[in-house]
C-alpha cells in the first residue's frame, strides 16, 4: 500500500446513523478490523501453502490447513464489479444516495476480492479494471470506534 493511502484520512462516504460494524463474535475477523484502525490493509493467508483468501475462515480453502493468519496486503487493486445504488436499504441512507459499492480484486494478494464503497462523485462513470487504492474512513465517535476500508481511483 502506498504511504499516501496508509496515512490519508477520509471524509465520511456514508451518512451517520448506520449500525457500526463489529468483529464477528468468534473473533475470526478481528485482525482485519484492528489493522483498518491503524490504516493498514490485511487479509488472511495460509501459512502452510501460502494461499490468500477472503473472507476469513478457520481453514485454508486450498489445502484445508488450520494454520491460517493475517498478513499485510499491497492495497492497489482493480475494480472487478460495481453497482450504483439509488434505493436506500436503511433509513440513514436516504440522504446518502446514490453511492457506489465496488468489488476490488487485489492482484498482489492472489486475486482475492474485497468490497467497499468508491469515493468521489457517485454519478461519475465507473469502469471495470480501473485502478483503486484503499481509503480509510474513521468513525471515532461512540462506544465502539471503527474504521471502514473504502476505495478511491488512483488515476493510473
N, C-alpha and C. Protein backbone atom coordinates (compact mmCIF):
# COMPACT_ATOMS: atom_id res chain seq x y z
N UNK A 1 0.85 -1.17 0.00
CA UNK A 1 0.00 0.00 0.00
C UNK A 1 0.89 1.23 0.00
N UNK A 2 0.49 2.23 -0.71
CA UNK A 2 1.29 3.45 -0.77
C UNK A 2 1.22 4.19 0.55
N UNK A 3 2.26 4.97 0.84
CA UNK A 3 2.27 5.75 2.08
C UNK A 3 1.11 6.72 2.13
N UNK A 4 0.75 7.30 0.97
CA UNK A 4 -0.35 8.26 0.97
C UNK A 4 -1.66 7.58 1.33
N UNK A 5 -1.86 6.35 0.89
CA UNK A 5 -3.09 5.64 1.22
C UNK A 5 -3.13 5.28 2.69
N UNK A 6 -1.99 4.94 3.25
CA UNK A 6 -1.99 4.50 4.64
C UNK A 6 -2.18 5.65 5.61
N UNK A 7 -1.87 6.87 5.20
CA UNK A 7 -1.96 7.98 6.14
C UNK A 7 -3.13 8.92 5.85
N UNK A 8 -3.84 8.71 4.77
CA UNK A 8 -4.91 9.63 4.40
C UNK A 8 -6.14 9.41 5.25
N UNK A 9 -6.68 10.48 5.77
CA UNK A 9 -7.95 10.44 6.50
C UNK A 9 -9.05 10.74 5.50
N UNK A 10 -10.05 9.91 5.48
CA UNK A 10 -11.13 10.05 4.53
C UNK A 10 -12.28 10.85 5.09
N UNK A 11 -12.96 11.62 4.25
CA UNK A 11 -14.26 12.13 4.68
C UNK A 11 -15.21 10.94 4.75
N UNK A 12 -16.29 11.12 5.46
CA UNK A 12 -17.25 10.03 5.57
C UNK A 12 -18.01 9.89 4.26
N UNK A 13 -18.02 8.69 3.70
CA UNK A 13 -18.72 8.43 2.45
C UNK A 13 -20.19 8.14 2.67
N UNK A 14 -20.52 7.57 3.80
CA UNK A 14 -21.91 7.24 4.09
C UNK A 14 -22.41 8.08 5.25
N UNK A 15 -23.70 8.37 5.28
CA UNK A 15 -24.24 9.22 6.34
C UNK A 15 -24.23 8.54 7.70
N UNK A 16 -24.32 9.36 8.75
CA UNK A 16 -24.38 8.85 10.12
C UNK A 16 -25.71 8.12 10.33
N UNK A 17 -25.72 7.24 11.32
CA UNK A 17 -26.94 6.54 11.66
C UNK A 17 -26.96 5.08 11.27
N UNK A 18 -25.92 4.63 10.56
CA UNK A 18 -25.85 3.21 10.20
C UNK A 18 -25.30 2.42 11.38
N UNK A 19 -25.69 1.17 11.53
CA UNK A 19 -25.11 0.35 12.60
C UNK A 19 -23.59 0.21 12.41
N UNK A 20 -22.86 0.25 13.49
CA UNK A 20 -21.40 0.11 13.43
C UNK A 20 -21.04 -1.35 13.18
N UNK A 21 -20.09 -1.59 12.27
CA UNK A 21 -19.62 -2.97 12.08
C UNK A 21 -18.84 -3.41 13.31
N UNK A 22 -18.89 -4.66 13.60
CA UNK A 22 -18.16 -5.21 14.73
C UNK A 22 -17.49 -6.51 14.30
N UNK A 23 -16.36 -6.83 14.91
CA UNK A 23 -15.78 -8.14 14.61
C UNK A 23 -16.79 -9.24 14.95
N UNK A 24 -16.68 -10.34 14.24
CA UNK A 24 -17.58 -11.46 14.49
C UNK A 24 -17.42 -11.93 15.94
N UNK A 25 -18.44 -12.54 16.47
CA UNK A 25 -18.45 -12.99 17.86
C UNK A 25 -17.27 -13.92 18.15
N UNK A 26 -16.90 -14.75 17.18
CA UNK A 26 -15.80 -15.69 17.39
C UNK A 26 -14.43 -15.04 17.24
N UNK A 27 -14.38 -13.76 16.83
CA UNK A 27 -13.12 -13.03 16.72
C UNK A 27 -12.31 -13.33 15.48
N UNK A 28 -12.85 -14.13 14.57
CA UNK A 28 -12.08 -14.54 13.40
C UNK A 28 -11.60 -13.36 12.56
N UNK A 29 -12.43 -12.33 12.40
CA UNK A 29 -12.05 -11.19 11.56
C UNK A 29 -11.48 -10.01 12.35
N UNK A 30 -11.29 -10.16 13.65
CA UNK A 30 -10.77 -9.06 14.47
C UNK A 30 -9.44 -8.49 13.96
N UNK A 31 -8.49 -9.31 13.47
CA UNK A 31 -7.25 -8.72 12.96
C UNK A 31 -7.47 -7.77 11.79
N UNK A 32 -8.48 -8.02 10.96
CA UNK A 32 -8.79 -7.11 9.86
C UNK A 32 -9.22 -5.76 10.39
N UNK A 33 -10.16 -5.76 11.36
CA UNK A 33 -10.67 -4.50 11.90
C UNK A 33 -9.60 -3.75 12.69
N UNK A 34 -8.74 -4.46 13.40
CA UNK A 34 -7.64 -3.83 14.14
C UNK A 34 -6.67 -3.16 13.17
N UNK A 35 -6.35 -3.83 12.08
CA UNK A 35 -5.44 -3.26 11.08
C UNK A 35 -6.06 -2.04 10.41
N UNK A 36 -7.34 -2.11 10.09
CA UNK A 36 -8.03 -0.96 9.47
C UNK A 36 -7.95 0.26 10.37
N UNK A 37 -8.09 0.07 11.67
CA UNK A 37 -7.98 1.20 12.61
C UNK A 37 -6.60 1.85 12.53
N UNK A 38 -5.57 1.07 12.17
CA UNK A 38 -4.21 1.58 12.00
C UNK A 38 -3.96 2.06 10.57
N UNK A 39 -4.99 2.04 9.74
CA UNK A 39 -4.91 2.40 8.31
C UNK A 39 -3.97 1.45 7.57
N UNK A 40 -4.13 0.18 7.86
CA UNK A 40 -3.38 -0.87 7.17
C UNK A 40 -4.39 -1.89 6.65
N UNK A 41 -4.09 -2.48 5.50
CA UNK A 41 -4.96 -3.48 4.91
C UNK A 41 -4.32 -4.85 5.09
N UNK A 42 -5.07 -5.79 5.64
CA UNK A 42 -4.60 -7.16 5.81
C UNK A 42 -5.65 -8.12 5.27
N UNK A 43 -5.21 -9.31 4.94
CA UNK A 43 -6.10 -10.38 4.51
C UNK A 43 -5.55 -11.70 5.05
N UNK A 44 -6.38 -12.70 5.01
CA UNK A 44 -5.99 -13.99 5.54
C UNK A 44 -5.12 -14.74 4.52
N UNK A 45 -4.10 -15.42 5.06
CA UNK A 45 -3.20 -16.21 4.23
C UNK A 45 -2.82 -17.48 4.96
N UNK A 46 -2.80 -18.57 4.21
CA UNK A 46 -2.44 -19.87 4.78
C UNK A 46 -0.93 -19.92 4.99
N UNK A 47 -0.53 -20.32 6.17
CA UNK A 47 0.90 -20.44 6.46
C UNK A 47 1.50 -21.72 5.87
N UNK A 48 0.64 -22.69 5.56
CA UNK A 48 1.12 -23.96 5.01
C UNK A 48 1.37 -23.85 3.49
N UNK A 49 0.36 -23.42 2.72
CA UNK A 49 0.51 -23.38 1.26
C UNK A 49 0.65 -21.98 0.71
N UNK A 50 0.56 -20.93 1.56
CA UNK A 50 0.74 -19.52 1.21
C UNK A 50 -0.37 -18.96 0.33
N UNK A 51 -1.53 -19.59 0.30
CA UNK A 51 -2.66 -19.10 -0.48
C UNK A 51 -3.37 -17.99 0.27
N UNK A 52 -3.70 -16.91 -0.45
CA UNK A 52 -4.51 -15.83 0.11
C UNK A 52 -5.97 -16.23 0.04
N UNK A 53 -6.78 -15.75 0.98
CA UNK A 53 -8.22 -15.95 0.90
C UNK A 53 -8.96 -14.83 1.61
N UNK A 54 -10.16 -14.58 1.12
CA UNK A 54 -11.04 -13.58 1.71
C UNK A 54 -12.47 -13.97 1.42
N UNK A 55 -13.40 -13.94 2.35
CA UNK A 55 -13.38 -13.57 3.74
C UNK A 55 -12.71 -14.61 4.62
N UNK A 56 -12.46 -14.19 5.83
CA UNK A 56 -11.75 -15.04 6.78
C UNK A 56 -12.51 -16.35 7.07
N UNK A 57 -11.75 -17.40 7.17
CA UNK A 57 -12.27 -18.74 7.50
C UNK A 57 -11.31 -19.38 8.49
N UNK A 58 -11.78 -20.42 9.14
CA UNK A 58 -10.93 -21.13 10.12
C UNK A 58 -9.92 -22.04 9.44
N UNK A 59 -10.13 -22.39 8.19
CA UNK A 59 -9.18 -23.26 7.50
C UNK A 59 -8.95 -22.74 6.09
N UNK A 60 -7.86 -23.19 5.51
CA UNK A 60 -7.49 -22.79 4.15
C UNK A 60 -8.43 -23.46 3.15
N UNK A 61 -8.91 -22.69 2.20
CA UNK A 61 -9.79 -23.23 1.17
C UNK A 61 -9.04 -24.15 0.21
N UNK A 62 -7.73 -23.99 0.10
CA UNK A 62 -6.95 -24.76 -0.87
C UNK A 62 -6.45 -26.07 -0.29
N UNK A 63 -5.76 -26.00 0.85
CA UNK A 63 -5.11 -27.21 1.38
C UNK A 63 -5.78 -27.75 2.64
N UNK A 64 -6.77 -27.04 3.15
CA UNK A 64 -7.54 -27.41 4.34
C UNK A 64 -6.74 -27.35 5.64
N UNK A 65 -5.60 -26.66 5.62
CA UNK A 65 -4.82 -26.46 6.84
C UNK A 65 -5.57 -25.49 7.75
N UNK A 66 -5.41 -25.71 9.06
CA UNK A 66 -5.95 -24.78 10.04
C UNK A 66 -4.94 -23.70 10.41
N UNK A 67 -3.77 -23.72 9.79
CA UNK A 67 -2.71 -22.77 10.08
C UNK A 67 -2.85 -21.54 9.19
N UNK A 68 -3.85 -20.72 9.48
CA UNK A 68 -4.09 -19.50 8.71
C UNK A 68 -3.91 -18.29 9.61
N UNK A 69 -3.50 -17.19 9.03
CA UNK A 69 -3.32 -15.96 9.78
C UNK A 69 -3.55 -14.77 8.86
N UNK A 70 -3.25 -13.58 9.35
CA UNK A 70 -3.43 -12.36 8.57
C UNK A 70 -2.08 -11.76 8.24
N UNK A 71 -1.94 -11.26 7.00
CA UNK A 71 -0.72 -10.61 6.55
C UNK A 71 -1.06 -9.30 5.85
N UNK A 72 -0.12 -8.36 5.84
CA UNK A 72 -0.35 -7.11 5.11
C UNK A 72 -0.57 -7.37 3.62
N UNK A 73 -1.45 -6.58 3.03
CA UNK A 73 -1.77 -6.70 1.61
C UNK A 73 -1.32 -5.43 0.91
N UNK A 74 -0.67 -5.58 -0.23
CA UNK A 74 -0.39 -4.43 -1.08
C UNK A 74 -1.76 -4.01 -1.59
N UNK A 75 -2.20 -2.82 -1.23
CA UNK A 75 -3.59 -2.44 -1.39
C UNK A 75 -4.06 -2.03 -2.76
N UNK A 76 -3.17 -1.76 -3.71
CA UNK A 76 -3.64 -1.33 -5.02
C UNK A 76 -4.37 -2.48 -5.70
N UNK A 77 -5.54 -2.16 -6.23
CA UNK A 77 -6.34 -3.18 -6.88
C UNK A 77 -7.06 -2.63 -8.09
N UNK A 78 -7.95 -3.46 -8.63
CA UNK A 78 -8.73 -3.10 -9.81
C UNK A 78 -10.21 -3.34 -9.52
N UNK A 79 -11.04 -2.48 -10.06
CA UNK A 79 -12.48 -2.69 -9.91
C UNK A 79 -12.87 -3.92 -10.71
N UNK A 80 -13.42 -4.89 -10.03
CA UNK A 80 -13.88 -6.14 -10.65
C UNK A 80 -15.36 -6.04 -11.01
N UNK A 81 -16.13 -5.39 -10.14
CA UNK A 81 -17.56 -5.21 -10.36
C UNK A 81 -18.02 -4.01 -9.55
N UNK A 82 -19.17 -3.46 -9.91
CA UNK A 82 -19.70 -2.29 -9.19
C UNK A 82 -21.19 -2.18 -9.42
N UNK A 83 -21.81 -1.32 -8.61
CA UNK A 83 -23.24 -1.03 -8.75
C UNK A 83 -23.48 0.37 -8.21
N UNK A 84 -24.35 1.11 -8.87
CA UNK A 84 -24.75 2.42 -8.37
C UNK A 84 -26.08 2.22 -7.64
N UNK A 85 -26.10 2.51 -6.34
CA UNK A 85 -27.28 2.25 -5.52
C UNK A 85 -28.11 3.53 -5.39
N UNK A 86 -29.37 3.43 -5.77
CA UNK A 86 -30.30 4.56 -5.70
C UNK A 86 -31.39 4.35 -4.68
N UNK A 87 -31.58 3.12 -4.22
CA UNK A 87 -32.66 2.81 -3.28
C UNK A 87 -32.07 2.63 -1.88
N UNK A 88 -32.55 3.39 -0.89
CA UNK A 88 -32.00 3.25 0.47
C UNK A 88 -32.44 1.93 1.12
N UNK A 89 -31.47 1.12 1.49
CA UNK A 89 -31.78 -0.15 2.16
C UNK A 89 -31.79 0.02 3.68
N UNK A 90 -31.52 1.22 4.14
CA UNK A 90 -31.55 1.57 5.56
C UNK A 90 -32.01 3.03 5.63
N UNK A 91 -32.82 3.40 6.63
CA UNK A 91 -33.32 4.79 6.70
C UNK A 91 -32.22 5.85 6.68
N UNK A 92 -31.04 5.55 7.26
CA UNK A 92 -29.96 6.53 7.29
C UNK A 92 -29.41 6.82 5.89
N UNK A 93 -29.63 5.93 4.95
CA UNK A 93 -29.08 6.11 3.61
C UNK A 93 -29.91 7.02 2.73
N UNK A 94 -31.08 7.46 3.19
CA UNK A 94 -31.92 8.33 2.36
C UNK A 94 -31.20 9.59 1.94
N UNK A 95 -30.29 10.09 2.78
CA UNK A 95 -29.54 11.31 2.45
C UNK A 95 -28.21 11.02 1.78
N UNK A 96 -27.85 9.76 1.61
CA UNK A 96 -26.54 9.41 1.06
C UNK A 96 -26.61 8.75 -0.30
N UNK A 97 -27.64 9.04 -1.08
CA UNK A 97 -27.81 8.39 -2.37
C UNK A 97 -27.39 9.32 -3.51
N UNK A 98 -26.91 8.80 -4.59
CA UNK A 98 -26.52 7.41 -4.76
C UNK A 98 -25.16 7.15 -4.12
N UNK A 99 -24.81 5.88 -4.00
CA UNK A 99 -23.45 5.50 -3.61
C UNK A 99 -23.05 4.32 -4.47
N UNK A 100 -21.75 4.07 -4.54
CA UNK A 100 -21.23 3.07 -5.47
C UNK A 100 -20.39 2.03 -4.72
N UNK A 101 -20.99 0.89 -4.36
CA UNK A 101 -20.17 -0.20 -3.82
C UNK A 101 -19.39 -0.87 -4.97
N UNK A 102 -18.15 -1.21 -4.68
CA UNK A 102 -17.30 -1.87 -5.67
C UNK A 102 -16.72 -3.15 -5.07
N UNK A 103 -16.51 -4.12 -5.94
CA UNK A 103 -15.72 -5.30 -5.58
C UNK A 103 -14.36 -5.07 -6.21
N UNK A 104 -13.34 -5.09 -5.37
CA UNK A 104 -11.97 -4.80 -5.81
C UNK A 104 -11.14 -6.07 -5.78
N UNK A 105 -10.51 -6.36 -6.90
CA UNK A 105 -9.62 -7.50 -6.99
C UNK A 105 -8.20 -7.04 -6.68
N UNK A 106 -7.52 -7.79 -5.81
CA UNK A 106 -6.18 -7.40 -5.37
C UNK A 106 -5.14 -8.36 -5.96
N UNK A 107 -4.51 -7.97 -7.08
CA UNK A 107 -3.54 -8.85 -7.72
C UNK A 107 -2.35 -9.20 -6.83
N UNK A 108 -1.97 -8.29 -5.93
CA UNK A 108 -0.84 -8.55 -5.04
C UNK A 108 -1.16 -9.50 -3.91
N UNK A 109 -2.40 -9.96 -3.85
CA UNK A 109 -2.82 -10.90 -2.81
C UNK A 109 -3.59 -12.07 -3.44
N UNK A 110 -3.03 -12.58 -4.52
CA UNK A 110 -3.60 -13.76 -5.15
C UNK A 110 -4.93 -13.55 -5.84
N UNK A 111 -5.29 -12.29 -6.07
CA UNK A 111 -6.55 -12.01 -6.76
C UNK A 111 -7.78 -12.07 -5.87
N UNK A 112 -7.59 -12.08 -4.54
CA UNK A 112 -8.77 -12.05 -3.67
C UNK A 112 -9.56 -10.78 -3.95
N UNK A 113 -10.82 -10.78 -3.56
CA UNK A 113 -11.68 -9.62 -3.82
C UNK A 113 -12.29 -9.12 -2.52
N UNK A 114 -12.28 -7.79 -2.37
CA UNK A 114 -12.85 -7.14 -1.19
C UNK A 114 -13.91 -6.14 -1.65
N UNK A 115 -14.84 -5.88 -0.77
CA UNK A 115 -15.95 -4.98 -1.04
C UNK A 115 -15.77 -3.68 -0.28
N UNK A 116 -16.18 -2.58 -0.87
CA UNK A 116 -16.18 -1.28 -0.20
C UNK A 116 -16.87 -0.28 -1.10
N UNK A 117 -16.97 0.94 -0.66
CA UNK A 117 -17.58 1.99 -1.47
C UNK A 117 -16.52 2.76 -2.23
N UNK A 118 -16.90 3.28 -3.38
CA UNK A 118 -15.99 4.06 -4.20
C UNK A 118 -16.16 5.54 -3.85
N UNK A 119 -15.07 6.18 -3.48
CA UNK A 119 -15.09 7.61 -3.14
C UNK A 119 -15.18 8.43 -4.42
N UNK A 120 -15.61 9.67 -4.26
CA UNK A 120 -15.70 10.58 -5.38
C UNK A 120 -17.14 10.79 -5.80
N UNK A 121 -17.31 11.38 -6.95
CA UNK A 121 -18.64 11.67 -7.47
C UNK A 121 -19.39 10.37 -7.71
N UNK A 122 -20.48 10.13 -6.98
CA UNK A 122 -21.19 8.86 -7.12
C UNK A 122 -21.93 8.71 -8.45
N UNK A 123 -21.98 9.78 -9.25
CA UNK A 123 -22.62 9.68 -10.55
C UNK A 123 -21.61 9.65 -11.70
N UNK A 124 -20.32 9.65 -11.35
CA UNK A 124 -19.27 9.61 -12.38
C UNK A 124 -19.23 8.22 -13.02
N UNK A 125 -18.69 8.18 -14.21
CA UNK A 125 -18.52 6.91 -14.93
C UNK A 125 -17.58 6.01 -14.14
N UNK A 126 -17.94 4.73 -14.06
CA UNK A 126 -17.11 3.73 -13.38
C UNK A 126 -16.74 2.68 -14.42
N UNK A 127 -15.46 2.32 -14.46
CA UNK A 127 -15.00 1.34 -15.44
C UNK A 127 -14.45 0.10 -14.75
N UNK A 128 -14.87 -1.06 -15.24
CA UNK A 128 -14.28 -2.31 -14.79
C UNK A 128 -12.79 -2.26 -15.13
N UNK A 129 -11.94 -2.66 -14.21
CA UNK A 129 -10.50 -2.64 -14.42
C UNK A 129 -9.82 -1.36 -13.96
N UNK A 130 -10.59 -0.33 -13.61
CA UNK A 130 -9.98 0.91 -13.13
C UNK A 130 -9.18 0.62 -11.86
N UNK A 131 -8.03 1.26 -11.74
CA UNK A 131 -7.17 1.04 -10.58
C UNK A 131 -7.64 1.87 -9.40
N UNK A 132 -7.62 1.24 -8.22
CA UNK A 132 -8.05 1.88 -6.98
C UNK A 132 -7.06 1.55 -5.87
N UNK A 133 -7.15 2.33 -4.80
CA UNK A 133 -6.36 2.09 -3.60
C UNK A 133 -7.27 2.25 -2.39
N UNK A 134 -6.87 1.67 -1.26
CA UNK A 134 -7.72 1.79 -0.07
C UNK A 134 -7.77 3.21 0.46
N UNK A 135 -8.91 3.55 1.00
CA UNK A 135 -9.16 4.83 1.63
C UNK A 135 -9.80 4.51 2.97
N UNK A 136 -9.19 4.93 4.06
CA UNK A 136 -9.63 4.54 5.39
C UNK A 136 -10.56 5.60 5.98
N UNK A 137 -11.78 5.19 6.27
CA UNK A 137 -12.81 6.09 6.77
C UNK A 137 -13.00 5.85 8.26
N UNK A 138 -12.49 6.79 9.05
CA UNK A 138 -12.55 6.67 10.51
C UNK A 138 -13.91 7.11 11.05
N UNK A 139 -14.43 6.33 11.95
CA UNK A 139 -15.64 6.65 12.71
C UNK A 139 -15.24 6.53 14.19
N UNK A 140 -14.79 7.64 14.76
CA UNK A 140 -14.18 7.60 16.09
C UNK A 140 -15.16 7.91 17.21
N UNK A 141 -16.38 8.33 16.85
CA UNK A 141 -17.37 8.66 17.86
C UNK A 141 -18.05 7.37 18.36
N UNK A 142 -18.71 7.48 19.49
CA UNK A 142 -19.48 6.35 20.01
C UNK A 142 -18.66 5.42 20.87
N UNK A 143 -19.33 4.40 21.37
CA UNK A 143 -18.70 3.43 22.27
C UNK A 143 -17.68 2.54 21.58
N UNK A 144 -17.90 2.24 20.31
CA UNK A 144 -17.04 1.30 19.59
C UNK A 144 -16.51 1.95 18.32
N UNK A 145 -15.42 2.72 18.43
CA UNK A 145 -14.86 3.34 17.22
C UNK A 145 -14.42 2.27 16.22
N UNK A 146 -14.49 2.61 14.95
CA UNK A 146 -14.09 1.67 13.90
C UNK A 146 -13.62 2.46 12.69
N UNK A 147 -12.98 1.75 11.78
CA UNK A 147 -12.53 2.33 10.52
C UNK A 147 -12.98 1.41 9.40
N UNK A 148 -13.60 2.00 8.37
CA UNK A 148 -14.02 1.25 7.19
C UNK A 148 -12.94 1.34 6.12
N UNK A 149 -12.79 0.29 5.36
CA UNK A 149 -11.92 0.32 4.17
C UNK A 149 -12.83 0.63 2.99
N UNK A 150 -12.61 1.80 2.39
CA UNK A 150 -13.31 2.20 1.18
C UNK A 150 -12.26 2.25 0.07
N UNK A 151 -12.63 2.70 -1.11
CA UNK A 151 -11.71 2.70 -2.25
C UNK A 151 -11.79 4.01 -3.01
N UNK A 152 -10.66 4.43 -3.58
CA UNK A 152 -10.64 5.61 -4.44
C UNK A 152 -9.78 5.31 -5.68
N UNK A 153 -10.15 5.97 -6.74
CA UNK A 153 -9.40 5.79 -8.01
C UNK A 153 -8.00 6.36 -7.83
N UNK A 154 -7.04 5.71 -8.47
CA UNK A 154 -5.66 6.19 -8.39
C UNK A 154 -5.29 7.08 -9.54
N UNK A 155 -6.07 7.06 -10.61
CA UNK A 155 -5.74 7.86 -11.79
C UNK A 155 -4.76 7.18 -12.72
N UNK A 156 -4.39 5.94 -12.38
CA UNK A 156 -3.48 5.20 -13.27
C UNK A 156 -4.27 4.29 -14.16
